[in-house]
Amino acid sequence: MTTHNNNNPLIYCNKVKNPDPAYQVPARHTNRLAFVRDLVNKCDKINIVKSDAAVYMRPALKRTKVFYPDREKAIRALAKVFCEHVNIVTHQVKISLRNAADDTGLSTISEAERKKAEDDPSYSPKPSISRVSRAFKDMIELGWIVAHKEWQVWDKHAGQWLDKYFEVTELFFKALGITPERVAKQRTARLKWLRKNALDNGLTADQLGEMSITEIKERDRLAHYRRVFERIKDKRAITKVKRSMNPKTPEQQRDVARQAVIKKLGAAASMITLSAFKDLVNQELAKLRSIAEYAPPPH
């Protein structure tokens, strides 16, 4: 990332904020497939950017220069996190670029965004993931990632694009030294297991058994959009709660909780005892304060 000095445009700095991005598999990922573990381990042993699959695709790239170390590190970090979240059947990568950027240390928060968050406790600073976006674009040009424009969806209400839906390709696996035959074998085995256990988004074993890989992919893509819409909806609800609770006094917050309880009860509000109403208000207040991450001022 290049930063310019406003007083002297000839003075600039090529240093990135995180020169050594890396992905560490979370300790909670205990039920990983052996094939996924192998993919992730290969990312540490093989420099995917210097693999035969990468060199083979070089003539197709728009850029003619080699990848500089910072871009190379970003691509390798992304490849590792993608391996951890790849679906063996559909080859969809089930992690957003934003989360991938956060998990690899490739996202940054500008001073302007930090200042906004300091001035408004309900504001969530927007990180920059430009370094990830550039690395992701390179991975598409290398033929490792497919992210068709028609797959991407615009949310009119939120005024933003949904998290990208994208898949890894056969070349991605080849760059890690995984043969197409092994990939196909793993897909078949996993699909057989899913069909036996009928654990794919509520489908029965018979329903899943009748679907082709293309149909399963399409179903997963639609499920991806539903999950993202739900997450955006939840995020808006959290922001709304934060704005309703901060920076109000404790008594004002209690009044917000009272109004919320009355709204939920509707006509039944007149049928409960005062004691029961107080309990509901206390529960609602505790929930709202937890969502708003409210911390009582020191005495």
C-alpha atoms as a PDB file:
ATOM      1  CA  MET A   1       0.000   0.000   0.000  1.00  0.00           C
ATOM      2  CA  THR A   2       1.438   3.354  -1.015  1.00  0.00           C
ATOM      3  CA  THR A   3       0.856   6.422   1.128  1.00  0.00           C
ATOM      4  CA  HIS A   4       1.637   9.861  -0.220  1.00  0.00           C
ATOM      5  CA  ASN A   5       2.876  12.875   1.678  1.00  0.00           C
ATOM      6  CA  ASN A   6       0.506  15.766   0.879  1.00  0.00           C
ATOM      7  CA  ASN A   7       3.274  18.336   1.314  1.00  0.00           C
ATOM      8  CA  ASN A   8       5.650  16.554  -1.022  1.00  0.00           C
ATOM      9  CA  PRO A   9       4.130  14.127  -3.526  1.00  0.00           C
ATOM     10  CA  LEU A  10       7.587  12.814  -4.354  1.00  0.00           C
ATOM     11  CA  ILE A  11       7.960  11.382  -0.881  1.00  0.00           C
ATOM     12  CA  TYR A  12       6.057   8.143  -0.427  1.00  0.00           C
ATOM     13  CA  CYS A  13       6.162   4.884   1.520  1.00  0.00           C
ATOM     14  CA  ASN A  14       5.661   1.385   0.124  1.00  0.00           C
ATOM     15  CA  LYS A  15       5.434  -0.297   3.522  1.00  0.00           C
ATOM     16  CA  VAL A  16       2.205  -2.180   4.214  1.00  0.00           C
ATOM     17  CA  LYS A  17       0.691  -2.060   7.684  1.00  0.00           C
ATOM     18  CA  ASN A  18       0.975  -5.815   8.158  1.00  0.00           C
ATOM     19  CA  PRO A  19       4.062  -7.125   6.355  1.00  0.00           C
ATOM     20  CA  ASP A  20       3.478 -10.699   7.486  1.00  0.00           C
ATOM     21  CA  PRO A  21      -0.186 -11.691   7.071  1.00  0.00           C
ATOM     22  CA  ALA A  22      -0.969 -15.194   8.283  1.00  0.00           C
ATOM     23  CA  TYR A  23      -3.912 -17.422   9.039  1.00  0.00           C
ATOM     24  CA  GLN A  24      -4.134 -19.558  12.146  1.00  0.00           C
ATOM     25  CA  VAL A  25      -6.797 -22.248  12.203  1.00  0.00           C
ATOM     26  CA  PRO A  26      -9.127 -21.501  15.153  1.00  0.00           C
ATOM     27  CA  ALA A  27      -8.955 -24.000  18.008  1.00  0.00           C
ATOM     28  CA  ARG A  28     -12.722 -24.469  17.726  1.00  0.00           C
ATOM     29  CA  HIS A  29     -12.310 -26.082  14.288  1.00  0.00           C
ATOM     30  CA  THR A  30     -12.141 -29.608  15.658  1.00  0.00           C
ATOM     31  CA  ASN A  31     -14.334 -31.500  13.181  1.00  0.00           C
ATOM     32  CA  ARG A  32     -12.387 -30.733  10.034  1.00  0.00           C
ATOM     33  CA  LEU A  33     -12.187 -33.229   7.193  1.00  0.00           C
ATOM     34  CA  ALA A  34      -8.791 -34.903   6.753  1.00  0.00           C
ATOM     35  CA  PHE A  35      -8.684 -33.579   3.174  1.00  0.00           C
ATOM     36  CA  VAL A  36      -9.206 -29.999   4.402  1.00  0.00           C
ATOM     37  CA  ARG A  37      -6.428 -30.422   6.986  1.00  0.00           C
ATOM     38  CA  ASP A  38      -4.129 -31.629   4.218  1.00  0.00           C
ATOM     39  CA  LEU A  39      -4.992 -28.634   2.022  1.00  0.00           C
ATOM     40  CA  VAL A  40      -4.237 -26.210   4.850  1.00  0.00           C
ATOM     41  CA  ASN A  41      -0.957 -27.950   5.689  1.00  0.00           C
ATOM     42  CA  LYS A  42       0.143 -27.806   2.059  1.00  0.00           C
ATOM     43  CA  CYS A  43      -0.347 -24.020   2.099  1.00  0.00           C
ATOM     44  CA  ASP A  44       2.483 -23.812   4.659  1.00  0.00           C
ATOM     45  CA  LYS A  45       4.761 -26.169   2.737  1.00  0.00           C
ATOM     46  CA  ILE A  46       4.144 -25.027  -0.833  1.00  0.00           C
ATOM     47  CA  ASN A  47       4.513 -21.505  -2.189  1.00  0.00           C
ATOM     48  CA  ILE A  48       1.378 -21.544  -4.311  1.00  0.00           C
ATOM     49  CA  VAL A  49       2.427 -18.348  -6.100  1.00  0.00           C
ATOM     50  CA  LYS A  50       5.571 -20.034  -7.442  1.00  0.00           C
ATOM     51  CA  SER A  51       3.879 -23.340  -8.299  1.00  0.00           C
ATOM     52  CA  ASP A  52       3.804 -24.789 -11.807  1.00  0.00           C
ATOM     53  CA  ALA A  53       0.091 -23.929 -12.007  1.00  0.00           C
ATOM     54  CA  ALA A  54       0.898 -20.281 -11.296  1.00  0.00           C
ATOM     55  CA  VAL A  55       3.773 -20.107 -13.787  1.00  0.00           C
ATOM     56  CA  TYR A  56       1.588 -21.820 -16.399  1.00  0.00           C
ATOM     57  CA  MET A  57      -1.004 -19.045 -16.120  1.00  0.00           C
ATOM     58  CA  ARG A  58       1.489 -16.162 -16.170  1.00  0.00           C
ATOM     59  CA  PRO A  59       1.069 -15.401 -19.907  1.00  0.00           C
ATOM     60  CA  ALA A  60      -2.684 -14.906 -19.327  1.00  0.00           C
ATOM     61  CA  LEU A  61      -2.190 -12.256 -16.658  1.00  0.00           C
ATOM     62  CA  LYS A  62      -2.655  -8.568 -17.424  1.00  0.00           C
ATOM     63  CA  ARG A  63       0.399  -7.738 -15.343  1.00  0.00           C
ATOM     64  CA  THR A  64       3.855  -8.591 -16.702  1.00  0.00           C
ATOM     65  CA  LYS A  65       5.853  -8.085 -13.517  1.00  0.00           C
ATOM     66  CA  VAL A  66       6.407 -10.789 -10.927  1.00  0.00           C
ATOM     67  CA  PHE A  67       4.418 -10.623  -7.714  1.00  0.00           C
ATOM     68  CA  TYR A  68       6.225  -8.515  -5.147  1.00  0.00           C
ATOM     69  CA  PRO A  69       6.701 -10.129  -1.694  1.00  0.00           C
ATOM     70  CA  ASP A  70       3.796  -8.238  -0.074  1.00  0.00           C
ATOM     71  CA  ARG A  71       1.307  -9.366  -2.760  1.00  0.00           C
ATOM     72  CA  GLU A  72       2.725 -12.886  -2.697  1.00  0.00           C
ATOM     73  CA  LYS A  73       2.233 -13.095   1.073  1.00  0.00           C
ATOM     74  CA  ALA A  74      -1.328 -11.800   0.766  1.00  0.00           C
ATOM     75  CA  ILE A  75      -2.200 -14.413  -1.871  1.00  0.00           C
ATOM     76  CA  ARG A  76      -0.689 -17.213   0.192  1.00  0.00           C
ATOM     77  CA  ALA A  77      -2.555 -16.126   3.326  1.00  0.00           C
ATOM     78  CA  LEU A  78      -5.833 -15.964   1.389  1.00  0.00           C
ATOM     79  CA  ALA A  79      -5.224 -19.377  -0.155  1.00  0.00           C
ATOM     80  CA  LYS A  80      -4.822 -20.892   3.304  1.00  0.00           C
ATOM     81  CA  VAL A  81      -7.997 -19.393   4.745  1.00  0.00           C
ATOM     82  CA  PHE A  82      -9.901 -20.408   1.593  1.00  0.00           C
ATOM     83  CA  CYS A  83      -8.691 -23.992   2.003  1.00  0.00           C
ATOM     84  CA  GLU A  84     -10.008 -24.039   5.561  1.00  0.00           C
ATOM     85  CA  HIS A  85     -13.469 -22.935   4.405  1.00  0.00           C
ATOM     86  CA  VAL A  86     -13.867 -24.737   1.074  1.00  0.00           C
ATOM     87  CA  ASN A  87     -16.876 -26.986   0.488  1.00  0.00           C
ATOM     88  CA  ILE A  88     -15.518 -30.280  -0.862  1.00  0.00           C
ATOM     89  CA  VAL A  89     -18.648 -30.981  -2.920  1.00  0.00           C
ATOM     90  CA  THR A  90     -19.463 -27.586  -4.452  1.00  0.00           C
ATOM     91  CA  HIS A  91     -15.980 -26.003  -4.103  1.00  0.00           C
ATOM     92  CA  GLN A  92     -17.694 -22.873  -2.761  1.00  0.00           C
ATOM     93  CA  VAL A  93     -15.553 -20.943  -0.274  1.00  0.00           C
ATOM     94  CA  LYS A  94     -17.764 -20.276   2.735  1.00  0.00           C
ATOM     95  CA  ILE A  95     -16.083 -17.200   4.149  1.00  0.00           C
ATOM     96  CA  SER A  96     -16.534 -13.577   3.126  1.00  0.00           C
ATOM     97  CA  LEU A  97     -13.597 -11.524   1.867  1.00  0.00           C
ATOM     98  CA  ARG A  98     -14.128  -9.197   4.835  1.00  0.00           C
ATOM     99  CA  ASN A  99     -13.783 -12.057   7.336  1.00  0.00           C
ATOM    100  CA  ALA A 100     -10.878 -13.520   5.387  1.00  0.00           C
ATOM    101  CA  ALA A 101      -9.157 -10.124   5.587  1.00  0.00           C
ATOM    102  CA  ASP A 102      -9.741  -9.946   9.339  1.00  0.00           C
ATOM    103  CA  ASP A 103      -8.619 -13.535   9.945  1.00  0.00           C
ATOM    104  CA  THR A 104      -5.370 -13.063   8.037  1.00  0.00           C
ATOM    105  CA  GLY A 105      -4.531  -9.601   9.379  1.00  0.00           C
ATOM    106  CA  LEU A 106      -4.985  -8.025   5.949  1.00  0.00           C
ATOM    107  CA  SER A 107      -7.716  -5.533   6.933  1.00  0.00           C
ATOM    108  CA  THR A 108      -6.912  -2.069   8.254  1.00  0.00           C
ATOM    109  CA  ILE A 109      -8.866   0.677  10.025  1.00  0.00           C
ATOM    110  CA  SER A 110      -8.115   4.243   9.001  1.00  0.00           C
ATOM    111  CA  GLU A 111      -7.717   7.032  11.522  1.00  0.00           C
ATOM    112  CA  ALA A 112     -10.854   8.689  10.149  1.00  0.00           C
ATOM    113  CA  GLU A 113     -12.880   5.537  10.848  1.00  0.00           C
ATOM    114  CA  ARG A 114     -11.390   5.238  14.346  1.00  0.00           C
ATOM    115  CA  LYS A 115     -12.386   8.824  15.049  1.00  0.00           C
ATOM    116  CA  LYS A 116     -15.983   8.168  13.926  1.00  0.00           C
ATOM    117  CA  ALA A 117     -16.205   5.200  16.299  1.00  0.00           C
ATOM    118  CA  GLU A 118     -14.843   7.286  19.170  1.00  0.00           C
ATOM    119  CA  ASP A 119     -17.395  10.042  18.518  1.00  0.00           C
ATOM    120  CA  ASP A 120     -20.331   7.654  18.062  1.00  0.00           C
ATOM    121  CA  PRO A 121     -20.311   4.439  20.191  1.00  0.00           C
ATOM    122  CA  SER A 122     -23.017   2.952  17.952  1.00  0.00           C
ATOM    123  CA  TYR A 123     -20.830   3.312  14.848  1.00  0.00           C
ATOM    124  CA  SER A 124     -18.870   0.283  13.646  1.00  0.00           C
ATOM    125  CA  PRO A 125     -15.689   1.387  11.867  1.00  0.00           C
ATOM    126  CA  LYS A 126     -15.448   0.189   8.278  1.00  0.00           C
ATOM    127  CA  PRO A 127     -12.181  -1.595   7.592  1.00  0.00           C
ATOM    128  CA  SER A 128     -10.287  -1.317   4.339  1.00  0.00           C
ATOM    129  CA  ILE A 129      -9.755  -4.645   2.561  1.00  0.00           C
ATOM    130  CA  SER A 130      -8.145  -3.207  -0.566  1.00  0.00           C
ATOM    131  CA  ARG A 131      -5.090  -5.439  -0.149  1.00  0.00           C
ATOM    132  CA  VAL A 132      -7.316  -8.518  -0.093  1.00  0.00           C
ATOM    133  CA  SER A 133      -9.316  -7.270  -3.080  1.00  0.00           C
ATOM    134  CA  ARG A 134      -6.151  -6.903  -5.155  1.00  0.00           C
ATOM    135  CA  ALA A 135      -4.874 -10.349  -4.157  1.00  0.00           C
ATOM    136  CA  PHE A 136      -8.315 -11.858  -4.846  1.00  0.00           C
ATOM    137  CA  LYS A 137      -8.354 -10.295  -8.323  1.00  0.00           C
ATOM    138  CA  ASP A 138      -4.940 -11.839  -9.025  1.00  0.00           C
ATOM    139  CA  MET A 139      -6.234 -15.257  -7.934  1.00  0.00           C
ATOM    140  CA  ILE A 140      -9.132 -14.882 -10.384  1.00  0.00           C
ATOM    141  CA  GLU A 141      -6.731 -13.987 -13.212  1.00  0.00           C
ATOM    142  CA  LEU A 142      -4.594 -17.007 -12.306  1.00  0.00           C
ATOM    143  CA  GLY A 143      -7.653 -19.185 -12.836  1.00  0.00           C
ATOM    144  CA  TRP A 144      -7.799 -20.327  -9.218  1.00  0.00           C
ATOM    145  CA  ILE A 145     -11.049 -18.549  -8.341  1.00  0.00           C
ATOM    146  CA  VAL A 146     -14.360 -18.175 -10.163  1.00  0.00           C
ATOM    147  CA  ALA A 147     -16.570 -15.239  -9.091  1.00  0.00           C
ATOM    148  CA  HIS A 148     -18.904 -14.463 -11.998  1.00  0.00           C
ATOM    149  CA  LYS A 149     -20.510 -11.016 -12.012  1.00  0.00           C
ATOM    150  CA  GLU A 150     -23.965 -12.555 -12.397  1.00  0.00           C
ATOM    151  CA  TRP A 151     -23.410 -14.405  -9.111  1.00  0.00           C
ATOM    152  CA  GLN A 152     -23.126 -11.155  -7.169  1.00  0.00           C
ATOM    153  CA  VAL A 153     -26.242  -9.559  -5.655  1.00  0.00           C
ATOM    154  CA  TRP A 154     -26.985  -5.905  -4.827  1.00  0.00           C
ATOM    155  CA  ASP A 155     -28.963  -5.226  -1.629  1.00  0.00           C
ATOM    156  CA  LYS A 156     -31.109  -2.186  -2.450  1.00  0.00           C
ATOM    157  CA  HIS A 157     -32.206  -1.690   1.163  1.00  0.00           C
ATOM    158  CA  ALA A 158     -28.670  -1.661   2.569  1.00  0.00           C
ATOM    159  CA  GLY A 159     -27.202   0.036  -0.488  1.00  0.00           C
ATOM    160  CA  GLN A 160     -24.365  -2.456  -0.779  1.00  0.00           C
ATOM    161  CA  TRP A 161     -23.234  -5.606  -2.517  1.00  0.00           C
ATOM    162  CA  LEU A 162     -23.737  -8.861  -0.655  1.00  0.00           C
ATOM    163  CA  ASP A 163     -20.681 -10.903   0.307  1.00  0.00           C
ATOM    164  CA  LYS A 164     -19.219 -12.395  -2.846  1.00  0.00           C
ATOM    165  CA  TYR A 165     -20.144 -15.921  -3.796  1.00  0.00           C
ATOM    166  CA  PHE A 166     -17.065 -17.614  -5.247  1.00  0.00           C
ATOM    167  CA  GLU A 167     -15.582 -21.053  -5.886  1.00  0.00           C
ATOM    168  CA  VAL A 168     -12.086 -22.482  -6.218  1.00  0.00           C
ATOM    169  CA  THR A 169     -11.163 -24.253  -9.443  1.00  0.00           C
ATOM    170  CA  GLU A 170      -9.228 -27.342 -10.443  1.00  0.00           C
ATOM    171  CA  LEU A 171      -6.155 -25.143 -11.017  1.00  0.00           C
ATOM    172  CA  PHE A 172      -6.297 -23.999  -7.383  1.00  0.00           C
ATOM    173  CA  PHE A 173      -5.966 -27.588  -6.200  1.00  0.00           C
ATOM    174  CA  LYS A 174      -3.263 -28.292  -8.787  1.00  0.00           C
ATOM    175  CA  ALA A 175      -1.245 -25.339  -7.474  1.00  0.00           C
ATOM    176  CA  LEU A 176      -1.219 -27.094  -4.092  1.00  0.00           C
ATOM    177  CA  GLY A 177      -0.101 -30.361  -5.636  1.00  0.00           C
ATOM    178  CA  ILE A 178      -3.539 -32.013  -5.474  1.00  0.00           C
ATOM    179  CA  THR A 179      -4.451 -34.024  -8.573  1.00  0.00           C
ATOM    180  CA  PRO A 180      -7.886 -33.759 -10.228  1.00  0.00           C
ATOM    181  CA  GLU A 181      -8.344 -37.477  -9.546  1.00  0.00           C
ATOM    182  CA  ARG A 182      -7.941 -36.987  -5.799  1.00  0.00           C
ATOM    183  CA  VAL A 183     -10.289 -33.975  -5.827  1.00  0.00           C
ATOM    184  CA  ALA A 184     -12.936 -36.003  -7.667  1.00  0.00           C
ATOM    185  CA  LYS A 185     -12.497 -38.919  -5.257  1.00  0.00           C
ATOM    186  CA  GLN A 186     -12.934 -36.625  -2.245  1.00  0.00           C
ATOM    187  CA  ARG A 187     -16.045 -35.017  -3.763  1.00  0.00           C
ATOM    188  CA  THR A 188     -17.598 -38.418  -4.455  1.00  0.00           C
ATOM    189  CA  ALA A 189     -16.860 -39.692  -0.950  1.00  0.00           C
ATOM    190  CA  ARG A 190     -18.223 -36.570   0.696  1.00  0.00           C
ATOM    191  CA  LEU A 191     -21.341 -36.551  -1.473  1.00  0.00           C
ATOM    192  CA  LYS A 192     -21.945 -40.210  -0.668  1.00  0.00           C
ATOM    193  CA  TRP A 193     -21.678 -39.398   3.052  1.00  0.00           C
ATOM    194  CA  LEU A 194     -24.076 -36.456   2.736  1.00  0.00           C
ATOM    195  CA  ARG A 195     -26.601 -38.551   0.846  1.00  0.00           C
ATOM    196  CA  LYS A 196     -26.406 -41.304   3.429  1.00  0.00           C
ATOM    197  CA  ASN A 197     -26.912 -38.884   6.327  1.00  0.00           C
ATOM    198  CA  ALA A 198     -29.196 -36.399   4.529  1.00  0.00           C
ATOM    199  CA  LEU A 199     -27.513 -33.420   6.163  1.00  0.00           C
ATOM    200  CA  ASP A 200     -27.636 -30.884   3.353  1.00  0.00           C
ATOM    201  CA  ASN A 201     -29.879 -27.917   4.215  1.00  0.00           C
ATOM    202  CA  GLY A 202     -32.843 -30.018   5.286  1.00  0.00           C
ATOM    203  CA  LEU A 203     -32.961 -32.263   2.225  1.00  0.00           C
ATOM    204  CA  THR A 204     -33.803 -35.920   2.640  1.00  0.00           C
ATOM    205  CA  ALA A 205     -31.323 -38.548   1.464  1.00  0.00           C
ATOM    206  CA  ASP A 206     -33.565 -39.327  -1.537  1.00  0.00           C
ATOM    207  CA  GLN A 207     -33.901 -35.653  -2.515  1.00  0.00           C
ATOM    208  CA  LEU A 208     -30.155 -35.080  -2.297  1.00  0.00           C
ATOM    209  CA  GLY A 209     -29.505 -38.305  -4.156  1.00  0.00           C
ATOM    210  CA  GLU A 210     -31.555 -37.097  -7.126  1.00  0.00           C
ATOM    211  CA  MET A 211     -29.668 -33.800  -7.443  1.00  0.00           C
ATOM    212  CA  SER A 212     -26.719 -33.254  -9.740  1.00  0.00           C
ATOM    213  CA  ILE A 213     -23.574 -31.395  -8.664  1.00  0.00           C
ATOM    214  CA  THR A 214     -24.816 -28.378 -10.657  1.00  0.00           C
ATOM    215  CA  GLU A 215     -28.145 -28.418  -8.822  1.00  0.00           C
ATOM    216  CA  ILE A 216     -26.441 -28.785  -5.442  1.00  0.00           C
ATOM    217  CA  LYS A 217     -24.202 -25.821  -6.281  1.00  0.00           C
ATOM    218  CA  GLU A 218     -27.192 -23.703  -7.247  1.00  0.00           C
ATOM    219  CA  ARG A 219     -28.955 -24.610  -3.995  1.00  0.00           C
ATOM    220  CA  ASP A 220     -25.865 -23.701  -1.980  1.00  0.00           C
ATOM    221  CA  ARG A 221     -25.529 -20.391  -3.821  1.00  0.00           C
ATOM    222  CA  LEU A 222     -29.106 -19.424  -2.944  1.00  0.00           C
ATOM    223  CA  ALA A 223     -28.509 -20.513   0.663  1.00  0.00           C
ATOM    224  CA  HIS A 224     -25.442 -18.235   0.683  1.00  0.00           C
ATOM    225  CA  TYR A 225     -27.590 -15.227  -0.259  1.00  0.00           C
ATOM    226  CA  ARG A 226     -30.156 -16.046   2.443  1.00  0.00           C
ATOM    227  CA  ARG A 227     -27.453 -16.270   5.117  1.00  0.00           C
ATOM    228  CA  VAL A 228     -25.944 -12.928   4.075  1.00  0.00           C
ATOM    229  CA  PHE A 229     -29.338 -11.179   4.047  1.00  0.00           C
ATOM    230  CA  GLU A 230     -30.031 -12.522   7.552  1.00  0.00           C
ATOM    231  CA  ARG A 231     -26.644 -11.339   8.784  1.00  0.00           C
ATOM    232  CA  ILE A 232     -27.207  -7.843   7.364  1.00  0.00           C
ATOM    233  CA  LYS A 233     -30.636  -7.785   9.017  1.00  0.00           C
ATOM    234  CA  ASP A 234     -29.130  -8.802  12.370  1.00  0.00           C
ATOM    235  CA  LYS A 235     -26.378  -6.205  11.999  1.00  0.00           C
ATOM    236  CA  ARG A 236     -28.929  -3.452  11.386  1.00  0.00           C
ATOM    237  CA  ALA A 237     -30.873  -4.584  14.456  1.00  0.00           C
ATOM    238  CA  ILE A 238     -27.722  -4.432  16.596  1.00  0.00           C
ATOM    239  CA  THR A 239     -26.891  -0.941  15.321  1.00  0.00           C
ATOM    240  CA  LYS A 240     -30.447   0.166  16.116  1.00  0.00           C
ATOM    241  CA  VAL A 241     -30.133  -1.148  19.673  1.00  0.00           C
ATOM    242  CA  LYS A 242     -26.791   0.587  20.186  1.00  0.00           C
ATOM    243  CA  ARG A 243     -28.226   3.901  19.050  1.00  0.00           C
ATOM    244  CA  SER A 244     -31.257   3.491  21.311  1.00  0.00           C
ATOM    245  CA  MET A 245     -29.097   2.729  24.370  1.00  0.00           C
ATOM    246  CA  ASN A 246     -26.033   4.925  23.958  1.00  0.00           C
ATOM    247  CA  PRO A 247     -25.330   7.422  25.407  1.00  0.00           C
ATOM    248  CA  LYS A 248     -28.565   7.393  27.456  1.00  0.00           C
ATOM    249  CA  THR A 249     -28.675   7.430  31.245  1.00  0.00           C
ATOM    250  CA  PRO A 250     -29.553   4.165  33.057  1.00  0.00           C
ATOM    251  CA  GLU A 251     -33.107   5.413  33.672  1.00  0.00           C
ATOM    252  CA  GLN A 252     -33.548   6.364  30.014  1.00  0.00           C
ATOM    253  CA  GLN A 253     -32.285   2.922  29.036  1.00  0.00           C
ATOM    254  CA  ARG A 254     -34.820   1.364  31.381  1.00  0.00           C
ATOM    255  CA  ASP A 255     -37.549   3.349  29.663  1.00  0.00           C
ATOM    256  CA  VAL A 256     -36.396   1.943  26.287  1.00  0.00           C
ATOM    257  CA  ALA A 257     -36.659  -1.556  27.783  1.00  0.00           C
ATOM    258  CA  ARG A 258     -40.147  -0.819  29.141  1.00  0.00           C
ATOM    259  CA  GLN A 259     -41.376   0.342  25.738  1.00  0.00           C
ATOM    260  CA  ALA A 260     -39.886  -2.733  24.078  1.00  0.00           C
ATOM    261  CA  VAL A 261     -41.652  -5.052  26.534  1.00  0.00           C
ATOM    262  CA  ILE A 262     -44.990  -3.272  26.079  1.00  0.00           C
ATOM    263  CA  LYS A 263     -44.642  -3.549  22.304  1.00  0.00           C
ATOM    264  CA  LYS A 264     -43.907  -7.282  22.526  1.00  0.00           C
ATOM    265  CA  LEU A 265     -46.796  -7.968  24.915  1.00  0.00           C
ATOM    266  CA  GLY A 266     -49.345  -5.976  22.947  1.00  0.00           C
ATOM    267  CA  ALA A 267     -52.869  -6.445  24.338  1.00  0.00           C
ATOM    268  CA  ALA A 268     -51.538  -8.976  26.871  1.00  0.00           C
ATOM    269  CA  ALA A 269     -49.686  -6.191  28.723  1.00  0.00           C
ATOM    270  CA  SER A 270     -52.784  -5.427  30.819  1.00  0.00           C
ATOM    271  CA  MET A 271     -53.121  -9.056  31.871  1.00  0.00           C
ATOM    272  CA  ILE A 272     -49.795  -9.592  33.686  1.00  0.00           C
ATOM    273  CA  THR A 273     -48.897  -8.572  37.238  1.00  0.00           C
ATOM    274  CA  LEU A 274     -46.627  -5.647  38.059  1.00  0.00           C
ATOM    275  CA  SER A 275     -44.048  -8.082  39.430  1.00  0.00           C
ATOM    276  CA  ALA A 276     -44.032 -10.098  36.207  1.00  0.00           C
ATOM    277  CA  PHE A 277     -43.800  -6.892  34.158  1.00  0.00           C
ATOM    278  CA  LYS A 278     -40.776  -5.733  36.170  1.00  0.00           C
ATOM    279  CA  ASP A 279     -39.081  -9.085  35.618  1.00  0.00           C
ATOM    280  CA  LEU A 280     -39.633  -8.815  31.874  1.00  0.00           C
ATOM    281  CA  VAL A 281     -38.279  -5.259  31.857  1.00  0.00           C
ATOM    282  CA  ASN A 282     -35.174  -6.346  33.773  1.00  0.00           C
ATOM    283  CA  GLN A 283     -34.585  -9.190  31.322  1.00  0.00           C
ATOM    284  CA  GLU A 284     -35.062  -6.903  28.319  1.00  0.00           C
ATOM    285  CA  LEU A 285     -32.789  -4.243  29.819  1.00  0.00           C
ATOM    286  CA  ALA A 286     -30.035  -6.798  30.435  1.00  0.00           C
ATOM    287  CA  LYS A 287     -30.355  -8.095  26.858  1.00  0.00           C
ATOM    288  CA  LEU A 288     -30.273  -4.605  25.320  1.00  0.00           C
ATOM    289  CA  ARG A 289     -27.267  -3.575  27.406  1.00  0.00           C
ATOM    290  CA  SER A 290     -25.440  -6.735  26.381  1.00  0.00           C
ATOM    291  CA  ILE A 291     -26.112  -6.101  22.684  1.00  0.00           C
ATOM    292  CA  ALA A 292     -25.118  -2.444  23.040  1.00  0.00           C
ATOM    293  CA  GLU A 293     -21.985  -3.459  24.971  1.00  0.00           C
ATOM    294  CA  TYR A 294     -22.983  -0.935  27.629  1.00  0.00           C
ATOM    295  CA  ALA A 295     -20.525  -0.345  30.438  1.00  0.00           C
ATOM    296  CA  PRO A 296     -21.792   1.583  33.496  1.00  0.00           C
ATOM    297  CA  PRO A 297     -19.823   4.781  34.130  1.00  0.00           C
ATOM    298  CA  PRO A 298     -17.363   4.546  37.051  1.00  0.00           C
ATOM    299  CA  HIS A 299     -18.603   6.057  40.303  1.00  0.00           C
END
